Amino acid sequence: MRTSRVLLSLLAATIVVAPAVAVEIWAVDNLGATNVPGLVGDRVIKFDSANPLGTVTTVGATNVVGRNMSGLDFAGNGVLYAASGFGSAFPGSELFTISTVDGSATLVGSLGLPAGTAVTDLSWNPATGKMQALTSAGGGGAQSIYEVPLGGGPAVLVGQITGLPAGALLIGMSTDSAGVNYVHNLADDRMYKLTGLAAAAMSAGIGIDTNFSQGMVMDWRANNEWYLGSISANPAFASQVRLMDNNTGGTSLILATWPNNGTNGLPQYETADLAIVPEPGSLCLLSLAVLGLAASRRR
């Protein structure tokens, strides 16, 4: 009994006090086809959170033309998924898997959303073990959450988000280790914390005039570090990687500002969404703690 308690205490301490470390962040860049001649579809990139500028590499292209991926996240089993959100030639949203070898996209199927509604972000919920889609029917329209069946088939409506200001346009969603969702309102440049489907504005603004496609993710495997890939057009085009304050919703640190191209003045990258792969090691530690608890109870 004593041995089990000691083991459980050590495991719990390992999980709770694990320090924040640099992580590999994946992103889908829907300026890829604009900035890189010959690139077909969105560009898939990855970089180290401690040094985005010095470590960014191009994995490849989705090879899906005109769809503009607006959602990206890893499922708990390590498979990378993306959702298309906007593209005048192809109305509606579809679900894809993304190869981590070459960035190519494979269609899973249509998400079957109502006309005029599109996915603006994907976020894996580690508490429920399900992929979520944030959707928008445009500024002032319904801003909703759906559950996404990863094997194919239409998305299932969870419900419409309430408590938002008039004209809200939600463009990003991330989820912490407890399953709490956070959303980014492009209309007022502010983050909102959700209790179920009820939104409450966080105390601080993001700190930038956000425009166009944005993406964000929380590192739920560790200490819930919150990363935002922002883009602004005021006073000039600027695309950045930001570390967010989990308590206020404001930017706590700018990790990188992507350079602008001299030819077209656009940023080299516009990260439409971010994703962090769940490491098997962190999941194993959690499993060991659960097993230790079960062994202690049996004794």
C-alpha atoms as a PDB file:
ATOM      1  CA  MET A   1       0.000   0.000   0.000  1.00  0.00           C
ATOM      2  CA  ARG A   2       2.801   2.364   0.947  1.00  0.00           C
ATOM      3  CA  THR A   3       4.728   1.594  -2.238  1.00  0.00           C
ATOM      4  CA  SER A   4       1.672   2.344  -4.375  1.00  0.00           C
ATOM      5  CA  ARG A   5       1.108   5.639  -2.622  1.00  0.00           C
ATOM      6  CA  VAL A   6       4.733   6.682  -3.120  1.00  0.00           C
ATOM      7  CA  LEU A   7       4.627   5.731  -6.814  1.00  0.00           C
ATOM      8  CA  LEU A   8       1.376   7.591  -7.317  1.00  0.00           C
ATOM      9  CA  SER A   9       2.768  10.687  -5.578  1.00  0.00           C
ATOM     10  CA  LEU A  10       5.856  10.672  -7.780  1.00  0.00           C
ATOM     11  CA  LEU A  11       3.769  10.308 -10.926  1.00  0.00           C
ATOM     12  CA  ALA A  12       1.404  13.069  -9.892  1.00  0.00           C
ATOM     13  CA  ALA A  13       4.336  15.357  -9.137  1.00  0.00           C
ATOM     14  CA  THR A  14       5.857  14.569 -12.531  1.00  0.00           C
ATOM     15  CA  ILE A  15       2.658  15.614 -14.299  1.00  0.00           C
ATOM     16  CA  VAL A  16       1.875  18.719 -12.271  1.00  0.00           C
ATOM     17  CA  VAL A  17       5.323  20.325 -12.138  1.00  0.00           C
ATOM     18  CA  ALA A  18       6.446  19.493 -15.686  1.00  0.00           C
ATOM     19  CA  PRO A  19       8.059  22.711 -16.993  1.00  0.00           C
ATOM     20  CA  ALA A  20       6.951  24.461 -20.146  1.00  0.00           C
ATOM     21  CA  VAL A  21       9.152  23.447 -23.068  1.00  0.00           C
ATOM     22  CA  ALA A  22       9.490  24.417 -26.689  1.00  0.00           C
ATOM     23  CA  VAL A  23       7.084  22.518 -28.913  1.00  0.00           C
ATOM     24  CA  GLU A  24       6.782  21.822 -32.613  1.00  0.00           C
ATOM     25  CA  ILE A  25       3.881  23.777 -34.077  1.00  0.00           C
ATOM     26  CA  TRP A  26       2.247  22.863 -37.380  1.00  0.00           C
ATOM     27  CA  ALA A  27       0.354  25.369 -39.482  1.00  0.00           C
ATOM     28  CA  VAL A  28      -1.535  25.637 -42.729  1.00  0.00           C
ATOM     29  CA  ASP A  29      -0.559  28.709 -44.731  1.00  0.00           C
ATOM     30  CA  ASN A  30      -3.153  29.861 -47.236  1.00  0.00           C
ATOM     31  CA  LEU A  31      -0.781  32.424 -48.754  1.00  0.00           C
ATOM     32  CA  GLY A  32       1.448  29.621 -49.963  1.00  0.00           C
ATOM     33  CA  ALA A  33       0.109  29.553 -53.484  1.00  0.00           C
ATOM     34  CA  THR A  34       0.523  33.351 -53.674  1.00  0.00           C
ATOM     35  CA  ASN A  35       4.035  33.525 -52.281  1.00  0.00           C
ATOM     36  CA  VAL A  36       5.584  30.368 -53.722  1.00  0.00           C
ATOM     37  CA  PRO A  37       5.484  29.929 -57.514  1.00  0.00           C
ATOM     38  CA  GLY A  38       4.519  26.413 -58.496  1.00  0.00           C
ATOM     39  CA  LEU A  39       2.973  25.537 -55.136  1.00  0.00           C
ATOM     40  CA  VAL A  40      -0.443  23.960 -55.591  1.00  0.00           C
ATOM     41  CA  GLY A  41      -2.928  24.641 -52.822  1.00  0.00           C
ATOM     42  CA  ASP A  42      -2.206  25.667 -49.256  1.00  0.00           C
ATOM     43  CA  ARG A  43       1.303  25.297 -47.860  1.00  0.00           C
ATOM     44  CA  VAL A  44       1.825  23.141 -44.750  1.00  0.00           C
ATOM     45  CA  ILE A  45       4.650  24.339 -42.502  1.00  0.00           C
ATOM     46  CA  LYS A  46       6.088  23.534 -39.072  1.00  0.00           C
ATOM     47  CA  PHE A  47       8.371  25.399 -36.670  1.00  0.00           C
ATOM     48  CA  ASP A  48       9.732  25.343 -33.125  1.00  0.00           C
ATOM     49  CA  SER A  49       7.858  27.617 -30.703  1.00  0.00           C
ATOM     50  CA  ALA A  50      11.160  28.807 -29.206  1.00  0.00           C
ATOM     51  CA  ASN A  51      12.498  29.982 -32.569  1.00  0.00           C
ATOM     52  CA  PRO A  52       9.831  30.166 -35.297  1.00  0.00           C
ATOM     53  CA  LEU A  53      11.928  32.257 -37.703  1.00  0.00           C
ATOM     54  CA  GLY A  54      14.982  30.039 -37.472  1.00  0.00           C
ATOM     55  CA  THR A  55      13.237  26.677 -37.650  1.00  0.00           C
ATOM     56  CA  VAL A  56      10.341  27.101 -40.071  1.00  0.00           C
ATOM     57  CA  THR A  57      10.261  24.451 -42.785  1.00  0.00           C
ATOM     58  CA  THR A  58       7.808  23.694 -45.570  1.00  0.00           C
ATOM     59  CA  VAL A  59       6.437  20.167 -45.334  1.00  0.00           C
ATOM     60  CA  GLY A  60       4.641  20.426 -48.668  1.00  0.00           C
ATOM     61  CA  ALA A  61       1.397  21.495 -50.278  1.00  0.00           C
ATOM     62  CA  THR A  62      -2.133  20.189 -49.773  1.00  0.00           C
ATOM     63  CA  ASN A  63      -2.626  19.909 -53.549  1.00  0.00           C
ATOM     64  CA  VAL A  64      -6.219  21.046 -52.973  1.00  0.00           C
ATOM     65  CA  VAL A  65      -6.842  24.132 -55.083  1.00  0.00           C
ATOM     66  CA  GLY A  66      -9.129  27.009 -54.188  1.00  0.00           C
ATOM     67  CA  ARG A  67     -10.421  25.639 -50.877  1.00  0.00           C
ATOM     68  CA  ASN A  68      -8.320  27.527 -48.306  1.00  0.00           C
ATOM     69  CA  MET A  69      -7.955  25.359 -45.219  1.00  0.00           C
ATOM     70  CA  SER A  70      -9.257  27.276 -42.204  1.00  0.00           C
ATOM     71  CA  GLY A  71      -9.044  24.516 -39.612  1.00  0.00           C
ATOM     72  CA  LEU A  72      -6.149  22.297 -38.555  1.00  0.00           C
ATOM     73  CA  ASP A  73      -5.580  20.026 -35.554  1.00  0.00           C
ATOM     74  CA  PHE A  74      -4.217  16.669 -34.507  1.00  0.00           C
ATOM     75  CA  ALA A  75      -6.607  14.099 -33.122  1.00  0.00           C
ATOM     76  CA  GLY A  76      -5.552  12.337 -29.932  1.00  0.00           C
ATOM     77  CA  ASN A  77      -4.103   9.447 -31.953  1.00  0.00           C
ATOM     78  CA  GLY A  78      -1.693  11.791 -33.785  1.00  0.00           C
ATOM     79  CA  VAL A  79      -3.536  11.999 -37.126  1.00  0.00           C
ATOM     80  CA  LEU A  80      -3.574  15.527 -38.572  1.00  0.00           C
ATOM     81  CA  TYR A  81      -6.914  16.835 -39.884  1.00  0.00           C
ATOM     82  CA  ALA A  82      -7.877  19.972 -41.777  1.00  0.00           C
ATOM     83  CA  ALA A  83     -11.153  21.562 -42.791  1.00  0.00           C
ATOM     84  CA  SER A  84     -11.796  23.834 -45.716  1.00  0.00           C
ATOM     85  CA  GLY A  85     -13.722  26.949 -44.852  1.00  0.00           C
ATOM     86  CA  PHE A  86     -13.908  29.410 -47.669  1.00  0.00           C
ATOM     87  CA  GLY A  87     -13.387  29.382 -51.413  1.00  0.00           C
ATOM     88  CA  SER A  88     -15.888  30.870 -53.821  1.00  0.00           C
ATOM     89  CA  ALA A  89     -15.438  28.094 -56.357  1.00  0.00           C
ATOM     90  CA  PHE A  90     -16.304  25.380 -53.828  1.00  0.00           C
ATOM     91  CA  PRO A  91     -19.000  26.458 -51.354  1.00  0.00           C
ATOM     92  CA  GLY A  92     -19.300  24.451 -48.158  1.00  0.00           C
ATOM     93  CA  SER A  93     -16.748  22.812 -45.858  1.00  0.00           C
ATOM     94  CA  GLU A  94     -15.037  19.442 -46.167  1.00  0.00           C
ATOM     95  CA  LEU A  95     -12.818  17.367 -43.869  1.00  0.00           C
ATOM     96  CA  PHE A  96      -9.359  16.174 -44.928  1.00  0.00           C
ATOM     97  CA  THR A  97      -6.466  14.248 -43.438  1.00  0.00           C
ATOM     98  CA  ILE A  98      -3.066  15.894 -43.907  1.00  0.00           C
ATOM     99  CA  SER A  99       0.094  13.875 -44.481  1.00  0.00           C
ATOM    100  CA  THR A 100       2.869  14.830 -42.061  1.00  0.00           C
ATOM    101  CA  VAL A 101       5.347  13.518 -44.641  1.00  0.00           C
ATOM    102  CA  ASP A 102       4.526  15.742 -47.621  1.00  0.00           C
ATOM    103  CA  GLY A 103       1.550  17.908 -46.566  1.00  0.00           C
ATOM    104  CA  SER A 104      -0.831  16.381 -49.095  1.00  0.00           C
ATOM    105  CA  ALA A 105      -4.541  16.347 -48.245  1.00  0.00           C
ATOM    106  CA  THR A 106      -6.867  13.380 -48.599  1.00  0.00           C
ATOM    107  CA  LEU A 107     -10.604  14.031 -48.627  1.00  0.00           C
ATOM    108  CA  VAL A 108     -12.603  12.348 -45.849  1.00  0.00           C
ATOM    109  CA  GLY A 109     -15.912  13.874 -46.896  1.00  0.00           C
ATOM    110  CA  SER A 110     -18.316  16.769 -46.738  1.00  0.00           C
ATOM    111  CA  LEU A 111     -19.246  18.127 -43.304  1.00  0.00           C
ATOM    112  CA  GLY A 112     -22.798  18.756 -44.487  1.00  0.00           C
ATOM    113  CA  LEU A 113     -23.131  22.220 -42.984  1.00  0.00           C
ATOM    114  CA  PRO A 114     -26.105  24.490 -43.694  1.00  0.00           C
ATOM    115  CA  ALA A 115     -25.861  26.777 -46.720  1.00  0.00           C
ATOM    116  CA  GLY A 116     -23.849  29.897 -45.962  1.00  0.00           C
ATOM    117  CA  THR A 117     -22.070  28.295 -42.993  1.00  0.00           C
ATOM    118  CA  ALA A 118     -18.351  27.491 -43.074  1.00  0.00           C
ATOM    119  CA  VAL A 119     -15.732  26.063 -40.720  1.00  0.00           C
ATOM    120  CA  THR A 120     -13.410  28.708 -39.275  1.00  0.00           C
ATOM    121  CA  ASP A 121     -11.378  26.385 -37.004  1.00  0.00           C
ATOM    122  CA  LEU A 122     -10.892  22.815 -35.829  1.00  0.00           C
ATOM    123  CA  SER A 123      -9.996  21.976 -32.218  1.00  0.00           C
ATOM    124  CA  TRP A 124      -9.445  18.603 -30.572  1.00  0.00           C
ATOM    125  CA  ASN A 125     -11.123  18.299 -27.175  1.00  0.00           C
ATOM    126  CA  PRO A 126      -8.961  16.016 -24.972  1.00  0.00           C
ATOM    127  CA  ALA A 127     -11.671  15.812 -22.291  1.00  0.00           C
ATOM    128  CA  THR A 128     -14.297  14.354 -24.632  1.00  0.00           C
ATOM    129  CA  GLY A 129     -11.923  12.727 -27.131  1.00  0.00           C
ATOM    130  CA  LYS A 130     -13.719  14.396 -30.038  1.00  0.00           C
ATOM    131  CA  MET A 131     -12.825  16.814 -32.821  1.00  0.00           C
ATOM    132  CA  GLN A 132     -14.775  20.059 -32.770  1.00  0.00           C
ATOM    133  CA  ALA A 133     -15.487  22.509 -35.568  1.00  0.00           C
ATOM    134  CA  LEU A 134     -16.124  26.197 -35.008  1.00  0.00           C
ATOM    135  CA  THR A 135     -18.430  27.524 -37.702  1.00  0.00           C
ATOM    136  CA  SER A 136     -19.643  30.927 -38.776  1.00  0.00           C
ATOM    137  CA  ALA A 137     -22.515  32.129 -40.899  1.00  0.00           C
ATOM    138  CA  GLY A 138     -20.758  35.490 -41.287  1.00  0.00           C
ATOM    139  CA  GLY A 139     -20.574  38.543 -39.061  1.00  0.00           C
ATOM    140  CA  GLY A 140     -23.792  38.747 -37.084  1.00  0.00           C
ATOM    141  CA  GLY A 141     -24.870  35.264 -38.195  1.00  0.00           C
ATOM    142  CA  ALA A 142     -24.846  32.065 -36.169  1.00  0.00           C
ATOM    143  CA  GLN A 143     -21.523  31.197 -34.543  1.00  0.00           C
ATOM    144  CA  SER A 144     -21.717  27.530 -33.606  1.00  0.00           C
ATOM    145  CA  ILE A 145     -19.817  24.447 -32.497  1.00  0.00           C
ATOM    146  CA  TYR A 146     -20.149  21.060 -34.168  1.00  0.00           C
ATOM    147  CA  GLU A 147     -18.689  17.649 -33.384  1.00  0.00           C
ATOM    148  CA  VAL A 148     -16.848  16.177 -36.357  1.00  0.00           C
ATOM    149  CA  PRO A 149     -17.009  12.409 -37.033  1.00  0.00           C
ATOM    150  CA  LEU A 150     -13.468  11.604 -38.152  1.00  0.00           C
ATOM    151  CA  GLY A 151     -14.537   8.537 -40.066  1.00  0.00           C
ATOM    152  CA  GLY A 152     -16.751  10.599 -42.357  1.00  0.00           C
ATOM    153  CA  GLY A 153     -20.306  11.845 -42.401  1.00  0.00           C
ATOM    154  CA  PRO A 154     -22.004  15.131 -41.564  1.00  0.00           C
ATOM    155  CA  ALA A 155     -20.928  17.183 -38.563  1.00  0.00           C
ATOM    156  CA  VAL A 156     -23.284  17.086 -35.559  1.00  0.00           C
ATOM    157  CA  LEU A 157     -24.459  20.409 -34.154  1.00  0.00           C
ATOM    158  CA  VAL A 158     -23.598  20.941 -30.485  1.00  0.00           C
ATOM    159  CA  GLY A 159     -25.234  24.356 -30.441  1.00  0.00           C
ATOM    160  CA  GLN A 160     -24.985  28.058 -31.157  1.00  0.00           C
ATOM    161  CA  ILE A 161     -22.628  30.133 -29.021  1.00  0.00           C
ATOM    162  CA  THR A 162     -24.438  32.698 -26.882  1.00  0.00           C
ATOM    163  CA  GLY A 163     -23.390  35.906 -25.142  1.00  0.00           C
ATOM    164  CA  LEU A 164     -21.452  37.361 -28.077  1.00  0.00           C
ATOM    165  CA  PRO A 165     -21.681  41.055 -29.029  1.00  0.00           C
ATOM    166  CA  ALA A 166     -23.613  42.111 -32.118  1.00  0.00           C
ATOM    167  CA  GLY A 167     -21.705  41.495 -35.348  1.00  0.00           C
ATOM    168  CA  ALA A 168     -19.360  38.904 -33.826  1.00  0.00           C
ATOM    169  CA  LEU A 169     -17.230  36.915 -36.270  1.00  0.00           C
ATOM    170  CA  LEU A 170     -15.456  33.993 -34.634  1.00  0.00           C
ATOM    171  CA  ILE A 171     -12.383  32.920 -36.556  1.00  0.00           C
ATOM    172  CA  GLY A 172     -10.416  30.739 -34.105  1.00  0.00           C
ATOM    173  CA  MET A 173     -10.953  28.186 -31.332  1.00  0.00           C
ATOM    174  CA  SER A 174      -8.610  26.350 -28.966  1.00  0.00           C
ATOM    175  CA  THR A 175      -9.260  23.894 -26.149  1.00  0.00           C
ATOM    176  CA  ASP A 176      -7.393  23.346 -22.881  1.00  0.00           C
ATOM    177  CA  SER A 177      -6.687  20.093 -21.029  1.00  0.00           C
ATOM    178  CA  ALA A 178      -9.958  20.364 -19.076  1.00  0.00           C
ATOM    179  CA  GLY A 179     -11.992  20.655 -22.283  1.00  0.00           C
ATOM    180  CA  VAL A 180     -12.694  24.389 -21.923  1.00  0.00           C
ATOM    181  CA  ASN A 181     -13.003  26.196 -25.260  1.00  0.00           C
ATOM    182  CA  TYR A 182     -11.683  29.671 -26.090  1.00  0.00           C
ATOM    183  CA  VAL A 183     -12.727  31.597 -29.205  1.00  0.00           C
ATOM    184  CA  HIS A 184     -11.297  34.583 -31.065  1.00  0.00           C
ATOM    185  CA  ASN A 185     -13.727  37.304 -32.155  1.00  0.00           C
ATOM    186  CA  LEU A 186     -12.296  39.072 -35.194  1.00  0.00           C
ATOM    187  CA  ALA A 187     -14.807  41.919 -34.883  1.00  0.00           C
ATOM    188  CA  ASP A 188     -13.473  43.255 -31.571  1.00  0.00           C
ATOM    189  CA  ASP A 189      -9.990  41.664 -31.471  1.00  0.00           C
ATOM    190  CA  ARG A 190     -10.758  39.873 -28.221  1.00  0.00           C
ATOM    191  CA  MET A 191     -10.756  36.337 -26.853  1.00  0.00           C
ATOM    192  CA  TYR A 192     -13.832  34.812 -25.223  1.00  0.00           C
ATOM    193  CA  LYS A 193     -13.915  31.922 -22.752  1.00  0.00           C
ATOM    194  CA  LEU A 194     -16.799  29.491 -23.095  1.00  0.00           C
ATOM    195  CA  THR A 195     -18.722  27.846 -20.301  1.00  0.00           C
ATOM    196  CA  GLY A 196     -20.516  25.245 -22.342  1.00  0.00           C
ATOM    197  CA  LEU A 197     -21.847  27.441 -25.153  1.00  0.00           C
ATOM    198  CA  ALA A 198     -21.987  30.676 -23.135  1.00  0.00           C
ATOM    199  CA  ALA A 199     -19.236  33.144 -24.086  1.00  0.00           C
ATOM    200  CA  ALA A 200     -17.650  35.650 -21.704  1.00  0.00           C
ATOM    201  CA  ALA A 201     -15.200  38.279 -22.931  1.00  0.00           C
ATOM    202  CA  MET A 202     -11.731  38.006 -21.421  1.00  0.00           C
ATOM    203  CA  SER A 203     -10.333  41.079 -19.704  1.00  0.00           C
ATOM    204  CA  ALA A 204      -7.670  42.169 -22.220  1.00  0.00           C
ATOM    205  CA  GLY A 205      -7.659  42.757 -25.958  1.00  0.00           C
ATOM    206  CA  ILE A 206      -5.346  40.669 -28.099  1.00  0.00           C
ATOM    207  CA  GLY A 207      -3.138  43.702 -28.731  1.00  0.00           C
ATOM    208  CA  ILE A 208      -3.353  43.833 -32.505  1.00  0.00           C
ATOM    209  CA  ASP A 209      -5.945  44.750 -35.137  1.00  0.00           C
ATOM    210  CA  THR A 210      -6.623  41.217 -36.353  1.00  0.00           C
ATOM    211  CA  ASN A 211      -7.852  40.690 -39.907  1.00  0.00           C
ATOM    212  CA  PHE A 212      -8.432  37.845 -42.353  1.00  0.00           C
ATOM    213  CA  SER A 213      -7.622  34.251 -41.394  1.00  0.00           C
ATOM    214  CA  GLN A 214      -6.250  33.469 -37.936  1.00  0.00           C
ATOM    215  CA  GLY A 215      -5.420  30.267 -36.120  1.00  0.00           C
ATOM    216  CA  MET A 216      -4.661  29.257 -32.546  1.00  0.00           C
ATOM    217  CA  VAL A 217      -3.972  26.207 -30.389  1.00  0.00           C
ATOM    218  CA  MET A 218      -3.410  25.299 -26.735  1.00  0.00           C
ATOM    219  CA  ASP A 219      -0.806  22.728 -25.721  1.00  0.00           C
ATOM    220  CA  TRP A 220      -3.212  20.613 -23.670  1.00  0.00           C
ATOM    221  CA  ARG A 221      -0.614  17.849 -23.210  1.00  0.00           C
ATOM    222  CA  ALA A 222       1.510  20.059 -20.963  1.00  0.00           C
ATOM    223  CA  ASN A 223       0.761  23.441 -19.377  1.00  0.00           C
ATOM    224  CA  ASN A 224      -1.912  24.750 -21.776  1.00  0.00           C
ATOM    225  CA  GLU A 225       0.451  27.233 -23.440  1.00  0.00           C
ATOM    226  CA  TRP A 226      -1.684  29.217 -25.849  1.00  0.00           C
ATOM    227  CA  TYR A 227      -0.320  30.125 -29.292  1.00  0.00           C
ATOM    228  CA  LEU A 228      -1.944  32.472 -31.819  1.00  0.00           C
ATOM    229  CA  GLY A 229      -0.984  32.905 -35.456  1.00  0.00           C
ATOM    230  CA  SER A 230      -2.218  36.445 -36.094  1.00  0.00           C
ATOM    231  CA  ILE A 231      -2.373  38.636 -39.174  1.00  0.00           C
ATOM    232  CA  SER A 232      -3.094  42.354 -39.326  1.00  0.00           C
ATOM    233  CA  ALA A 233      -3.409  44.920 -42.096  1.00  0.00           C
ATOM    234  CA  ASN A 234      -3.074  48.049 -39.942  1.00  0.00           C
ATOM    235  CA  PRO A 235      -0.877  50.026 -40.432  1.00  0.00           C
ATOM    236  CA  ALA A 236       0.775  47.475 -42.768  1.00  0.00           C
ATOM    237  CA  PHE A 237       0.448  43.753 -43.366  1.00  0.00           C
ATOM    238  CA  ALA A 238       1.962  41.885 -40.427  1.00  0.00           C
ATOM    239  CA  SER A 239       1.800  38.189 -39.565  1.00  0.00           C
ATOM    240  CA  GLN A 240       3.022  36.979 -36.195  1.00  0.00           C
ATOM    241  CA  VAL A 241       3.272  34.060 -33.772  1.00  0.00           C
ATOM    242  CA  ARG A 242       2.041  35.177 -30.341  1.00  0.00           C
ATOM    243  CA  LEU A 243       1.992  33.607 -26.902  1.00  0.00           C
ATOM    244  CA  MET A 244      -1.300  34.404 -25.187  1.00  0.00           C
ATOM    245  CA  ASP A 245      -2.088  35.044 -21.520  1.00  0.00           C
ATOM    246  CA  ASN A 246      -4.502  32.320 -20.383  1.00  0.00           C
ATOM    247  CA  ASN A 247      -5.965  34.538 -17.665  1.00  0.00           C
ATOM    248  CA  THR A 248      -6.565  37.752 -19.620  1.00  0.00           C
ATOM    249  CA  GLY A 249      -6.684  36.729 -23.274  1.00  0.00           C
ATOM    250  CA  GLY A 250      -4.058  39.320 -24.150  1.00  0.00           C
ATOM    251  CA  THR A 251      -0.722  38.777 -25.862  1.00  0.00           C
ATOM    252  CA  SER A 252       2.022  38.020 -23.350  1.00  0.00           C
ATOM    253  CA  LEU A 253       4.875  37.661 -25.859  1.00  0.00           C
ATOM    254  CA  ILE A 254       5.491  37.981 -29.597  1.00  0.00           C
ATOM    255  CA  LEU A 255       7.497  34.918 -30.565  1.00  0.00           C
ATOM    256  CA  ALA A 256       8.067  35.935 -34.195  1.00  0.00           C
ATOM    257  CA  THR A 257       7.032  38.382 -36.891  1.00  0.00           C
ATOM    258  CA  TRP A 258       7.175  36.816 -40.333  1.00  0.00           C
ATOM    259  CA  PRO A 259       8.968  39.027 -42.897  1.00  0.00           C
ATOM    260  CA  ASN A 260       6.991  40.617 -45.715  1.00  0.00           C
ATOM    261  CA  ASN A 261       7.790  39.930 -49.341  1.00  0.00           C
ATOM    262  CA  GLY A 262       9.169  42.831 -51.312  1.00  0.00           C
ATOM    263  CA  THR A 263       7.267  41.946 -54.491  1.00  0.00           C
ATOM    264  CA  ASN A 264       3.683  41.817 -53.241  1.00  0.00           C
ATOM    265  CA  GLY A 265       4.044  43.240 -49.730  1.00  0.00           C
ATOM    266  CA  LEU A 266       2.287  40.238 -48.195  1.00  0.00           C
ATOM    267  CA  PRO A 267       3.708  38.315 -45.226  1.00  0.00           C
ATOM    268  CA  GLN A 268       5.719  35.230 -46.086  1.00  0.00           C
ATOM    269  CA  TYR A 269       3.242  33.157 -44.057  1.00  0.00           C
ATOM    270  CA  GLU A 270      -0.420  33.577 -43.088  1.00  0.00           C
ATOM    271  CA  THR A 271      -1.139  30.798 -40.646  1.00  0.00           C
ATOM    272  CA  ALA A 272      -4.824  30.036 -41.015  1.00  0.00           C
ATOM    273  CA  ASP A 273      -4.598  27.563 -38.127  1.00  0.00           C
ATOM    274  CA  LEU A 274      -2.066  26.006 -35.747  1.00  0.00           C
ATOM    275  CA  ALA A 275      -1.727  22.479 -34.343  1.00  0.00           C
ATOM    276  CA  ILE A 276       0.506  20.654 -31.860  1.00  0.00           C
ATOM    277  CA  VAL A 277       0.963  16.895 -32.095  1.00  0.00           C
ATOM    278  CA  PRO A 278       0.102  15.017 -28.881  1.00  0.00           C
ATOM    279  CA  GLU A 279       3.328  13.305 -27.756  1.00  0.00           C
ATOM    280  CA  PRO A 280       2.963   9.634 -26.798  1.00  0.00           C
ATOM    281  CA  GLY A 281       5.206  10.211 -23.767  1.00  0.00           C
ATOM    282  CA  SER A 282       2.846  12.676 -22.113  1.00  0.00           C
ATOM    283  CA  LEU A 283      -0.115  10.378 -22.712  1.00  0.00           C
ATOM    284  CA  CYS A 284       1.815   7.444 -21.230  1.00  0.00           C
ATOM    285  CA  LEU A 285       2.554   9.411 -18.045  1.00  0.00           C
ATOM    286  CA  LEU A 286      -1.131  10.124 -17.613  1.00  0.00           C
ATOM    287  CA  SER A 287      -1.974   6.463 -18.204  1.00  0.00           C
ATOM    288  CA  LEU A 288       0.607   5.354 -15.630  1.00  0.00           C
ATOM    289  CA  ALA A 289      -0.890   7.701 -13.045  1.00  0.00           C
ATOM    290  CA  VAL A 290      -4.351   6.261 -13.676  1.00  0.00           C
ATOM    291  CA  LEU A 291      -3.019   2.699 -13.398  1.00  0.00           C
ATOM    292  CA  GLY A 292      -1.235   3.565 -10.161  1.00  0.00           C
ATOM    293  CA  LEU A 293      -4.462   4.953  -8.728  1.00  0.00           C
ATOM    294  CA  ALA A 294      -6.329   1.805  -9.716  1.00  0.00           C
ATOM    295  CA  ALA A 295      -3.651  -0.405  -8.097  1.00  0.00           C
ATOM    296  CA  SER A 296      -3.801   1.613  -4.890  1.00  0.00           C
ATOM    297  CA  ARG A 297      -7.583   1.262  -4.713  1.00  0.00           C
ATOM    298  CA  ARG A 298      -7.379  -2.522  -5.227  1.00  0.00           C
ATOM    299  CA  ARG A 299      -4.980  -2.835  -2.296  1.00  0.00           C
END
